[in-house]
């Protein structure tokens, strides 16, 4: 906590948080994304079978796992929780890495869920 205060970490990462939240919102247009919500650097992307009704995928389909598997092929380890993909990057992430992350999350959802 002393380092956070001394280095003013929370204030310094605000532009990166804003960038991440703006870029990741593009996944909302995808057919199988029901919602994108988060706070700060933690974002959850809800994967749904039907965008209009928000009908979820059944448990056995493993939508989150499918997206995580597609991300792993791209060099990104992501931990899904059921039908939600969780993004929680390190505070040291660069702007280039944020762009890489968001582009690949978008592409992985399209690949895994159509």
Protein backbone atom coordinates (compact mmCIF):
# COMPACT_ATOMS: atom_id res chain seq x y z
CA UNK A 1 0.00 0.00 0.00
CA UNK A 2 2.90 2.29 0.71
CA UNK A 3 4.21 1.85 -2.85
CA UNK A 4 0.73 2.45 -4.30
CA UNK A 5 0.51 5.72 -2.43
CA UNK A 6 4.13 6.79 -2.94
CA UNK A 7 4.15 5.99 -6.66
CA UNK A 8 0.60 7.28 -7.20
CA UNK A 9 -0.23 4.02 -9.02
CA UNK A 10 -4.02 4.37 -9.02
CA UNK A 11 -3.88 7.78 -10.68
CA UNK A 12 -1.21 6.72 -13.18
CA UNK A 13 -3.20 3.75 -14.50
CA UNK A 14 -6.42 5.69 -15.12
CA UNK A 15 -5.64 6.31 -18.85
CA UNK A 16 -5.01 2.57 -19.33
CA UNK A 17 -8.24 1.69 -17.55
CA UNK A 18 -10.14 4.09 -19.79
CA UNK A 19 -8.48 2.67 -22.92
CA UNK A 20 -9.23 -0.94 -21.93
CA UNK A 21 -12.86 -0.16 -21.16
CA UNK A 22 -13.33 1.72 -24.45
CA UNK A 23 -11.67 -0.91 -26.65
CA UNK A 24 -13.29 -3.94 -25.04
CA UNK A 25 -16.76 -2.46 -25.56
CA UNK A 26 -16.43 -3.40 -29.24
CA UNK A 27 -17.17 -7.02 -28.31
CA UNK A 28 -20.72 -5.94 -27.40
CA UNK A 29 -21.57 -5.97 -31.11
CA UNK A 30 -20.83 -9.69 -31.35
CA UNK A 31 -23.76 -12.04 -31.72
CA UNK A 32 -23.00 -14.07 -28.59
CA UNK A 33 -22.11 -11.30 -26.15
CA UNK A 34 -24.98 -10.46 -23.84
CA UNK A 35 -23.22 -7.88 -21.71
CA UNK A 36 -19.86 -6.35 -20.91
CA UNK A 37 -19.50 -5.02 -17.41
CA UNK A 38 -16.73 -4.17 -15.06
CA UNK A 39 -14.97 -1.83 -12.77
CA UNK A 40 -11.47 -0.56 -13.28
CA UNK A 41 -9.22 -3.25 -14.72
CA UNK A 42 -11.67 -6.10 -14.04
CA UNK A 43 -14.16 -6.77 -16.82
CA UNK A 44 -16.63 -9.60 -17.34
CA UNK A 45 -17.93 -10.54 -20.78
CA UNK A 46 -21.18 -12.50 -20.59
CA UNK A 47 -21.56 -15.06 -23.36
CA UNK A 48 -25.12 -15.92 -24.38
CA UNK A 49 -26.80 -18.25 -26.86
CA UNK A 50 -29.31 -15.57 -27.87
CA UNK A 51 -28.39 -11.89 -27.64
CA UNK A 52 -31.99 -10.62 -27.80
CA UNK A 53 -33.40 -12.83 -25.04
CA UNK A 54 -30.10 -13.18 -23.12
CA UNK A 55 -30.67 -16.94 -23.13
CA UNK A 56 -27.53 -18.49 -21.61
CA UNK A 57 -25.59 -21.40 -22.97
CA UNK A 58 -26.28 -24.62 -21.11
CA UNK A 59 -23.54 -25.63 -18.68
CA UNK A 60 -22.25 -28.52 -20.78
CA UNK A 61 -21.56 -26.31 -23.80
CA UNK A 62 -18.69 -24.59 -21.97
CA UNK A 63 -18.86 -21.32 -23.91
CA UNK A 64 -16.36 -19.60 -21.63
CA UNK A 65 -13.93 -22.49 -21.91
CA UNK A 66 -14.21 -22.44 -25.70
CA UNK A 67 -13.29 -18.75 -25.80
CA UNK A 68 -10.46 -19.28 -23.31
CA UNK A 69 -9.11 -22.11 -25.49
CA UNK A 70 -9.18 -19.84 -28.57
CA UNK A 71 -7.36 -17.16 -26.59
CA UNK A 72 -4.69 -19.60 -25.44
CA UNK A 73 -3.87 -20.30 -29.10
CA UNK A 74 -3.19 -16.55 -29.36
CA UNK A 75 -0.85 -16.54 -26.37
CA UNK A 76 -3.37 -15.17 -23.86
CA UNK A 77 -4.35 -17.07 -20.73
CA UNK A 78 -7.86 -16.19 -19.68
CA UNK A 79 -9.93 -17.74 -16.92
CA UNK A 80 -13.62 -18.15 -17.66
CA UNK A 81 -16.21 -18.53 -14.95
CA UNK A 82 -19.04 -20.45 -16.56
CA UNK A 83 -20.31 -18.35 -19.46
CA UNK A 84 -18.36 -15.27 -18.42
CA UNK A 85 -14.87 -14.46 -19.62
CA UNK A 86 -12.96 -12.46 -17.03
CA UNK A 87 -10.38 -9.86 -18.03
CA UNK A 88 -8.09 -8.76 -15.24
CA UNK A 89 -4.76 -7.61 -16.70
CA UNK A 90 -1.70 -6.69 -14.64
CA UNK A 91 -1.24 -3.06 -13.69
CA UNK A 92 1.97 -3.03 -15.74
CA UNK A 93 0.15 -3.73 -19.04
CA UNK A 94 1.16 -1.40 -21.86
CA UNK A 95 -1.16 0.39 -24.28
CA UNK A 96 0.06 -1.89 -27.08
CA UNK A 97 -0.74 -4.93 -24.97
CA UNK A 98 -4.23 -3.57 -24.24
CA UNK A 99 -4.84 -3.24 -27.99
CA UNK A 100 -3.51 -6.78 -28.54
CA UNK A 101 -5.69 -8.15 -25.73
CA UNK A 102 -8.91 -6.50 -26.91
CA UNK A 103 -8.43 -7.45 -30.56
CA UNK A 104 -7.75 -11.05 -29.64
CA UNK A 105 -10.66 -11.32 -27.22
CA UNK A 106 -12.93 -10.08 -30.02
CA UNK A 107 -11.44 -12.56 -32.53
CA UNK A 108 -11.52 -15.47 -30.08
CA UNK A 109 -15.22 -14.96 -29.30
CA UNK A 110 -16.02 -14.88 -33.02
CA UNK A 111 -13.94 -18.02 -33.63
CA UNK A 112 -15.23 -20.02 -30.67
CA UNK A 113 -18.91 -19.11 -30.87
CA UNK A 114 -19.45 -18.11 -34.48
